Amino acid sequence: WPEVLQTVHTEGGKLALSAVGGCVWYLRSLKLDTELVSMKNFRHMRDFEGERIGSLVIDGQTLCNLEILENSNGTTQGTLLKRLDRCCTHFGKRKFRTWVCAPLRDVKAISARLDAAEHLAADNHARAAVSKLLRQLPDVERRLSRVHMQGSGRKQGVMFDDTGARKLRAFLQLLDSLEILCNVRDMLEEQGLIGENVKVVLPHVDFPDNAREKLNTFKTSYGDLQHAMEVGYITPERGVYEDYDAAHDRLRKIEKGLDDELKFWKKELGESSLKFWSAATGKEPYQIEIPTSYVEAKGRKLSNDLELKSQTSKVRRYWTPTIKKLVLQLVDARETLDELRQGLARRMQVDFDADYQLWSRAVDAVAHLDCLLSLSYT
């Protein structure tokens, strides 16, 4: 259970838990309960009243009167948000909007935030380098949430079908974005902005220490992801999924059987030029091509096992009982492998979603960093 719900349960908050149950029931009617509740993003109502996080509560009318977010014309021109927001990322801008709408009231927290902004402003080279890296990031927060929904959603849900090549490529792009997040952390550590013995602590910029290790381990488990980006399906490393390995081994065994059959007939007929031919339509593939000159030479008679399937003026093409049997097995093996490949995209995201909290922490740390950088420019 999320820590907040455990606390409410311990304190005997039956009405609060009943309210949560009502919300979950409504989400279930929309078929969104599994996806949203599994994020464990619960907060106590007292947080919004400013009793725990030390922030002011500004109602909507006050925000409108002070032109914090919008002016009287409905634009951002001349507003406080327009003046202060220099964030480089979409999720950083959303975080900064939250900061503006709920300003801190705790003196220590205010001082820590201002000290961090001043420290970043003093090192213009590091600030520019980090900002340049942040501009390369797409909206990682929303992509991460989307992947979480796909990874934790119902398999029969049409809304979250993730077996298509387009959605697989979107997921692989998310992995590239997380690589940039790890690069941001490394750059901050190189610049002495995070880690041990730092002069000024950046509030809430808490990167998970094992983020890069987790990402590298995950990416190496699924083979060549660049190739997957091009072809639209993944080929995991051996040992990750036993059923995929078994289907792949079966396919290779059948293909080897076809190659052995071709070698047999080369030796049997004494003709090394024999080769397989398959029509573009895929109908009756793996026909053995035998030169017409070989068949007609001196009235040579072929084995009864060779069944004529097609011919041209130069070659004649044959099937054998063994080829016919192996082709039927080959079609079944390929269909099985294709089905597994289609499901691997979802299984890959389910595995990735096991570390959702870790990646959420990394994104939140970058969002806070982006907001501090924005303050450093004012």
Protein backbone atom coordinates (compact mmCIF):
# COMPACT_ATOMS: atom_id res chain seq x y z
CA TRP A 1 0.00 0.00 0.00
CA PRO A 2 1.09 3.64 -0.48
CA GLU A 3 2.52 5.16 2.69
CA VAL A 4 -0.26 7.76 2.91
CA LEU A 5 -2.99 5.10 2.91
CA GLN A 6 -1.11 3.06 5.49
CA THR A 7 -0.94 6.13 7.74
CA VAL A 8 -4.67 6.81 7.32
CA HIS A 9 -5.46 3.19 8.10
CA THR A 10 -3.26 3.25 11.22
CA GLU A 11 -4.93 6.47 12.41
CA GLY A 12 -8.36 4.90 11.96
CA GLY A 13 -9.51 7.13 9.14
CA LYS A 14 -12.42 4.97 8.01
CA LEU A 15 -14.23 7.83 6.28
CA ALA A 16 -11.09 8.74 4.32
CA LEU A 17 -10.60 5.14 3.19
CA SER A 18 -14.27 4.95 2.23
CA ALA A 19 -13.81 8.07 0.09
CA VAL A 20 -10.77 6.49 -1.59
CA GLY A 21 -12.82 3.35 -2.21
CA GLY A 22 -15.52 5.43 -3.89
CA CYS A 23 -12.94 7.07 -6.15
CA VAL A 24 -11.46 3.68 -7.06
CA TRP A 25 -14.93 2.32 -7.83
CA TYR A 26 -15.56 5.23 -10.19
CA LEU A 27 -12.18 4.75 -11.87
CA ARG A 28 -13.01 1.06 -12.26
CA SER A 29 -16.22 1.96 -14.08
CA LEU A 30 -14.02 3.91 -16.51
CA LYS A 31 -11.55 0.99 -16.70
CA LEU A 32 -8.79 3.26 -15.40
CA ASP A 33 -8.39 1.93 -11.86
CA THR A 34 -5.45 -0.41 -12.53
CA GLU A 35 -3.51 2.18 -14.49
CA LEU A 36 -3.98 5.16 -12.14
CA VAL A 37 -4.08 3.54 -8.71
CA SER A 38 -0.91 1.55 -9.44
CA MET A 39 0.99 4.83 -9.73
CA LYS A 40 0.58 5.15 -5.94
CA ASN A 41 0.40 8.91 -6.30
CA PHE A 42 -1.63 9.61 -3.14
CA ARG A 43 -1.32 12.73 -1.00
CA HIS A 44 -3.01 13.70 2.24
CA MET A 45 -5.50 16.55 1.95
CA ARG A 46 -3.57 18.45 4.61
CA ASP A 47 -0.74 18.74 2.10
CA PHE A 48 -2.94 20.89 -0.09
CA GLU A 49 -3.82 23.04 2.92
CA GLY A 50 -0.15 23.77 3.40
CA GLU A 51 0.18 22.13 6.82
CA ARG A 52 2.83 19.62 5.79
CA ILE A 53 4.73 21.06 2.85
CA GLY A 54 4.83 24.62 4.12
CA SER A 55 3.28 26.37 1.12
CA LEU A 56 0.64 29.05 0.85
CA VAL A 57 -2.83 28.32 -0.54
CA ILE A 58 -3.93 30.82 -3.16
CA ASP A 59 -7.50 30.45 -4.41
CA GLY A 60 -8.44 30.83 -8.07
CA GLN A 61 -9.95 34.29 -7.72
CA THR A 62 -6.78 35.62 -6.08
CA LEU A 63 -4.64 34.12 -8.82
CA CYS A 64 -6.88 35.86 -11.35
CA ASN A 65 -6.87 39.24 -9.56
CA LEU A 66 -3.09 39.26 -9.17
CA GLU A 67 -2.62 38.10 -12.78
CA ILE A 68 -0.31 35.31 -11.67
CA LEU A 69 -1.08 32.96 -14.56
CA GLU A 70 -3.23 34.99 -16.96
CA ASN A 71 -4.04 38.65 -17.45
CA SER A 72 -7.50 40.14 -17.92
CA ASN A 73 -7.29 39.45 -21.65
CA GLY A 74 -6.72 35.72 -21.11
CA THR A 75 -3.07 35.75 -22.21
CA THR A 76 0.17 35.38 -20.26
CA GLN A 77 1.58 38.74 -21.28
CA GLY A 78 2.74 40.69 -18.21
CA THR A 79 1.96 37.87 -15.76
CA LEU A 80 4.26 36.65 -13.02
CA LEU A 81 4.52 33.22 -14.65
CA LYS A 82 5.57 34.79 -17.96
CA ARG A 83 8.22 36.84 -16.17
CA LEU A 84 9.78 33.99 -14.19
CA ASP A 85 9.32 30.89 -16.33
CA ARG A 86 12.58 30.11 -18.18
CA CYS A 87 12.23 26.32 -17.95
CA CYS A 88 13.58 24.16 -20.77
CA THR A 89 11.29 21.12 -20.42
CA HIS A 90 7.53 20.64 -20.54
CA PHE A 91 7.43 18.82 -17.23
CA GLY A 92 9.67 21.50 -15.70
CA LYS A 93 7.20 24.17 -16.80
CA ARG A 94 4.36 22.29 -15.13
CA LYS A 95 6.37 21.99 -11.93
CA PHE A 96 7.23 25.71 -12.04
CA ARG A 97 3.56 26.57 -12.48
CA THR A 98 2.89 24.61 -9.28
CA TRP A 99 5.63 26.57 -7.51
CA VAL A 100 4.07 29.88 -8.55
CA CYS A 101 0.56 28.82 -7.52
CA ALA A 102 1.74 27.51 -4.13
CA PRO A 103 4.66 29.69 -2.96
CA LEU A 104 6.69 28.52 0.01
CA ARG A 105 6.04 29.96 3.44
CA ASP A 106 8.74 28.10 5.36
CA VAL A 107 11.77 30.37 5.83
CA LYS A 108 14.32 27.55 5.66
CA ALA A 109 12.80 26.14 2.48
CA ILE A 110 12.74 29.59 0.87
CA SER A 111 16.37 30.22 1.80
CA ALA A 112 17.45 26.82 0.47
CA ARG A 113 15.72 27.45 -2.85
CA LEU A 114 17.20 30.94 -3.24
CA ASP A 115 20.68 29.73 -2.26
CA ALA A 116 20.49 27.00 -4.90
CA ALA A 117 19.36 29.48 -7.58
CA GLU A 118 22.16 31.88 -6.64
CA HIS A 119 24.71 29.06 -6.71
CA LEU A 120 23.61 28.01 -10.21
CA ALA A 121 23.69 31.61 -11.42
CA ALA A 122 27.29 31.99 -10.23
CA ASP A 123 28.51 29.19 -12.52
CA ASN A 124 27.29 30.36 -15.91
CA HIS A 125 29.25 27.70 -17.84
CA ALA A 126 27.71 24.79 -15.92
CA ARG A 127 24.26 26.36 -16.09
CA ALA A 128 24.47 26.77 -19.86
CA ALA A 129 25.72 23.19 -20.35
CA VAL A 130 22.93 21.67 -18.25
CA SER A 131 20.28 23.85 -19.92
CA LYS A 132 21.48 22.74 -23.34
CA LEU A 133 21.11 19.11 -22.31
CA LEU A 134 17.64 19.71 -20.88
CA ARG A 135 16.43 21.22 -24.16
CA GLN A 136 16.96 17.83 -25.82
CA LEU A 137 14.32 16.21 -23.61
CA PRO A 138 10.75 15.62 -24.79
CA ASP A 139 7.87 15.45 -22.33
CA VAL A 140 9.36 12.47 -20.46
CA GLU A 141 6.88 12.70 -17.59
CA ARG A 142 3.83 12.13 -19.80
CA ARG A 143 5.56 9.48 -21.87
CA LEU A 144 6.49 7.66 -18.68
CA SER A 145 2.89 7.82 -17.45
CA ARG A 146 1.66 6.52 -20.79
CA VAL A 147 4.06 3.60 -20.67
CA HIS A 148 2.96 2.87 -17.11
CA MET A 149 -0.65 2.69 -18.25
CA GLN A 150 0.29 0.38 -21.11
CA GLY A 151 2.47 -1.75 -18.86
CA SER A 152 -0.06 -2.11 -16.06
CA GLY A 153 -3.29 -1.97 -18.07
CA ARG A 154 -5.67 -4.78 -18.91
CA LYS A 155 -4.51 -7.01 -21.74
CA GLN A 156 -7.94 -6.93 -23.40
CA GLY A 157 -8.16 -3.13 -23.30
CA VAL A 158 -8.27 -1.70 -26.79
CA MET A 159 -7.34 1.77 -25.55
CA PHE A 160 -3.94 0.65 -24.35
CA ASP A 161 -3.00 -1.79 -27.11
CA ASP A 162 0.77 -1.46 -27.38
CA THR A 163 1.64 -4.18 -29.84
CA GLY A 164 2.03 -1.86 -32.83
CA ALA A 165 5.40 -0.88 -34.20
CA ARG A 166 4.60 2.82 -33.75
CA LYS A 167 4.05 2.47 -30.00
CA LEU A 168 7.12 0.28 -29.68
CA ARG A 169 9.21 3.01 -31.31
CA ALA A 170 7.69 5.58 -28.93
CA PHE A 171 8.76 3.40 -26.00
CA LEU A 172 12.29 3.04 -27.36
CA GLN A 173 12.42 6.83 -27.72
CA LEU A 174 11.51 7.06 -24.02
CA LEU A 175 14.54 4.89 -23.22
CA ASP A 176 16.72 7.34 -25.18
CA SER A 177 15.21 10.20 -23.16
CA LEU A 178 16.03 8.42 -19.90
CA GLU A 179 19.59 8.09 -21.16
CA ILE A 180 19.68 11.89 -21.39
CA LEU A 181 18.35 12.10 -17.82
CA CYS A 182 21.27 9.96 -16.69
CA ASN A 183 23.63 12.23 -18.65
CA VAL A 184 22.19 15.21 -16.79
CA ARG A 185 22.96 13.54 -13.48
CA ASP A 186 26.52 12.74 -14.60
CA MET A 187 27.05 16.33 -15.73
CA LEU A 188 25.82 17.71 -12.40
CA GLU A 189 28.20 15.38 -10.59
CA GLU A 190 31.11 16.45 -12.83
CA GLN A 191 30.30 20.12 -12.17
CA GLY A 192 30.20 19.50 -8.42
CA LEU A 193 26.53 20.44 -8.14
CA ILE A 194 25.43 17.14 -6.57
CA GLY A 195 27.16 14.41 -4.61
CA GLU A 196 29.24 14.48 -1.47
CA ASN A 197 30.83 17.65 -0.10
CA VAL A 198 28.80 20.05 -2.26
CA LYS A 199 28.78 23.69 -1.20
CA VAL A 200 25.07 24.19 -1.76
CA VAL A 201 22.43 21.45 -1.80
CA LEU A 202 19.91 21.64 -4.65
CA PRO A 203 16.51 21.06 -2.97
CA HIS A 204 14.64 17.96 -4.18
CA VAL A 205 17.19 17.24 -6.94
CA ASP A 206 17.52 13.67 -5.73
CA PHE A 207 18.57 11.42 -8.59
CA PRO A 208 18.42 7.66 -7.95
CA ASP A 209 22.00 6.41 -7.73
CA ASN A 210 21.28 3.20 -9.65
CA ALA A 211 19.33 4.77 -12.53
CA ARG A 212 22.00 4.29 -15.20
CA GLU A 213 22.78 0.75 -14.04
CA LYS A 214 19.10 -0.17 -14.22
CA LEU A 215 18.73 1.41 -17.66
CA ASN A 216 21.80 -0.31 -19.11
CA THR A 217 20.77 -3.69 -17.71
CA PHE A 218 17.29 -3.31 -19.16
CA LYS A 219 18.49 -2.21 -22.60
CA THR A 220 21.07 -5.00 -22.95
CA SER A 221 18.41 -7.61 -22.12
CA TYR A 222 16.48 -6.88 -25.31
CA GLY A 223 19.15 -7.11 -27.97
CA ASP A 224 19.79 -4.49 -30.62
CA LEU A 225 17.27 -1.74 -29.87
CA GLN A 226 18.42 0.31 -32.85
CA HIS A 227 17.46 -2.59 -35.09
CA ALA A 228 14.15 -2.86 -33.22
CA MET A 229 13.53 0.83 -33.92
CA GLU A 230 13.94 0.15 -37.66
CA VAL A 231 11.98 -3.09 -38.02
CA GLY A 232 9.29 -2.43 -35.41
CA TYR A 233 9.83 -5.48 -33.19
CA ILE A 234 12.36 -6.53 -30.56
CA THR A 235 14.62 -9.56 -30.42
CA PRO A 236 15.48 -10.18 -26.76
CA GLU A 237 18.75 -11.70 -25.66
CA ARG A 238 18.74 -15.42 -25.10
CA GLY A 239 17.57 -16.41 -21.64
CA VAL A 240 15.19 -13.47 -21.09
CA TYR A 241 12.06 -15.32 -22.28
CA GLU A 242 12.09 -19.10 -22.48
CA ASP A 243 9.03 -19.33 -24.75
CA TYR A 244 10.63 -16.97 -27.28
CA ASP A 245 13.88 -18.96 -27.19
CA ALA A 246 11.96 -22.20 -27.75
CA ALA A 247 10.02 -20.75 -30.71
CA HIS A 248 13.20 -19.33 -32.21
CA ASP A 249 15.04 -22.66 -31.82
CA ARG A 250 12.16 -24.50 -33.44
CA LEU A 251 12.24 -22.16 -36.44
CA ARG A 252 16.00 -22.54 -36.85
CA LYS A 253 15.68 -26.34 -36.60
CA ILE A 254 13.10 -26.40 -39.40
CA GLU A 255 15.23 -24.12 -41.60
CA LYS A 256 18.22 -26.39 -41.00
CA GLY A 257 16.07 -29.37 -42.02
CA LEU A 258 15.28 -27.64 -45.32
CA ASP A 259 18.96 -26.91 -45.92
CA ASP A 260 19.81 -30.54 -45.20
CA GLU A 261 17.14 -31.67 -47.67
CA LEU A 262 18.66 -29.48 -50.37
CA LYS A 263 22.15 -30.89 -49.65
CA PHE A 264 20.75 -34.42 -49.87
CA TRP A 265 19.35 -33.86 -53.35
CA LYS A 266 22.51 -32.15 -54.53
CA LYS A 267 24.41 -35.29 -53.57
CA GLU A 268 21.69 -37.66 -54.81
CA LEU A 269 21.47 -36.06 -58.27
CA GLY A 270 25.12 -35.08 -58.47
CA GLU A 271 24.16 -31.50 -59.37
CA SER A 272 25.71 -28.74 -57.25
CA SER A 273 23.72 -25.90 -58.89
CA LEU A 274 20.47 -26.86 -57.16
CA LYS A 275 18.91 -24.11 -55.07
CA PHE A 276 15.64 -23.15 -53.42
CA TRP A 277 13.12 -20.85 -55.08
CA SER A 278 10.11 -19.14 -53.47
CA ALA A 279 7.38 -17.15 -55.18
CA ALA A 280 6.80 -13.52 -54.17
CA THR A 281 3.31 -14.47 -53.02
CA GLY A 282 4.79 -16.93 -50.54
CA LYS A 283 2.74 -19.81 -51.96
CA GLU A 284 4.49 -23.21 -51.92
CA PRO A 285 7.96 -21.88 -51.02
CA TYR A 286 11.26 -23.75 -50.99
CA GLN A 287 10.88 -25.38 -54.40
CA ILE A 288 14.08 -27.08 -55.58
CA GLU A 289 15.22 -25.62 -58.89
CA ILE A 290 16.74 -28.17 -61.27
CA PRO A 291 18.13 -27.04 -64.65
CA THR A 292 15.96 -28.22 -67.55
CA SER A 293 19.11 -29.30 -69.37
CA TYR A 294 19.90 -31.71 -66.54
CA VAL A 295 16.41 -33.25 -66.60
CA GLU A 296 16.34 -33.68 -70.38
CA ALA A 297 19.92 -34.94 -70.74
CA LYS A 298 19.92 -38.46 -72.17
CA GLY A 299 16.30 -38.97 -71.05
CA ARG A 300 17.27 -38.93 -67.38
CA LYS A 301 14.43 -40.04 -65.10
CA LEU A 302 14.01 -38.33 -61.73
CA SER A 303 12.93 -39.91 -58.46
CA ASN A 304 9.21 -40.31 -57.78
CA ASP A 305 9.73 -38.25 -54.61
CA LEU A 306 10.23 -35.14 -56.75
CA GLU A 307 6.83 -33.56 -57.48
CA LEU A 308 6.80 -30.92 -60.21
CA LYS A 309 5.34 -27.62 -58.99
CA SER A 310 6.34 -25.02 -61.59
CA GLN A 311 8.75 -24.51 -64.46
CA THR A 312 10.30 -22.10 -66.93
CA SER A 313 12.24 -22.66 -70.10
CA LYS A 314 15.47 -22.94 -68.09
CA VAL A 315 14.49 -24.62 -64.82
CA ARG A 316 11.97 -26.99 -63.31
CA ARG A 317 10.91 -26.71 -59.71
CA TYR A 318 10.05 -29.59 -57.43
CA TRP A 319 8.76 -30.40 -53.98
CA THR A 320 9.48 -33.52 -51.98
CA PRO A 321 7.37 -35.08 -49.19
CA THR A 322 9.97 -33.93 -46.68
CA ILE A 323 9.86 -30.33 -47.96
CA LYS A 324 6.06 -30.33 -47.90
CA LYS A 325 6.08 -31.48 -44.28
CA LEU A 326 8.76 -28.99 -43.24
CA VAL A 327 7.03 -26.06 -44.98
CA LEU A 328 3.83 -26.72 -43.02
CA GLN A 329 5.88 -26.75 -39.81
CA LEU A 330 7.72 -23.60 -40.94
CA VAL A 331 4.49 -21.65 -41.46
CA ASP A 332 3.28 -22.64 -37.98
CA ALA A 333 6.64 -21.76 -36.39
CA ARG A 334 6.73 -18.34 -38.04
CA GLU A 335 3.18 -17.54 -36.94
CA THR A 336 4.05 -18.54 -33.38
CA LEU A 337 7.16 -16.37 -33.41
CA ASP A 338 5.24 -13.41 -34.87
CA GLU A 339 2.62 -13.69 -32.11
CA LEU A 340 5.35 -13.73 -29.48
CA ARG A 341 7.05 -10.70 -31.04
CA GLN A 342 3.80 -8.78 -30.97
CA GLY A 343 3.39 -9.59 -27.28
CA LEU A 344 7.02 -8.87 -26.41
CA ALA A 345 6.48 -5.11 -26.71
CA ARG A 346 3.91 -5.27 -23.93
CA ARG A 347 5.98 -7.67 -21.83
CA MET A 348 8.97 -5.39 -22.25
CA GLN A 349 6.98 -2.45 -20.91
CA VAL A 350 5.63 -4.53 -18.03
CA ASP A 351 9.22 -5.34 -17.04
CA PHE A 352 10.15 -1.68 -17.39
CA ASP A 353 7.17 -0.61 -15.30
CA ALA A 354 8.49 -2.62 -12.35
CA ASP A 355 10.89 0.31 -11.79
CA TYR A 356 8.28 3.02 -12.40
CA GLN A 357 8.89 4.68 -9.03
CA LEU A 358 12.62 4.93 -9.76
CA TRP A 359 12.10 6.64 -13.13
CA SER A 360 9.42 8.87 -11.65
CA ARG A 361 11.93 10.05 -9.05
CA ALA A 362 14.48 10.77 -11.77
CA VAL A 363 11.97 12.83 -13.78
CA ASP A 364 10.88 14.73 -10.67
CA ALA A 365 14.52 15.51 -9.84
CA VAL A 366 15.07 16.95 -13.32
CA ALA A 367 11.85 18.97 -13.05
CA HIS A 368 13.06 20.56 -9.80
CA LEU A 369 16.47 21.20 -11.39
CA ASP A 370 14.80 22.90 -14.36
CA CYS A 371 12.80 25.13 -12.01
CA LEU A 372 15.94 26.12 -10.05
CA LEU A 373 17.70 26.96 -13.31
CA SER A 374 14.72 29.11 -14.29
CA LEU A 375 14.95 31.02 -11.01
CA SER A 376 18.68 31.51 -11.51
CA TYR A 377 18.03 33.61 -14.61
CA THR A 378 15.82 36.14 -12.77
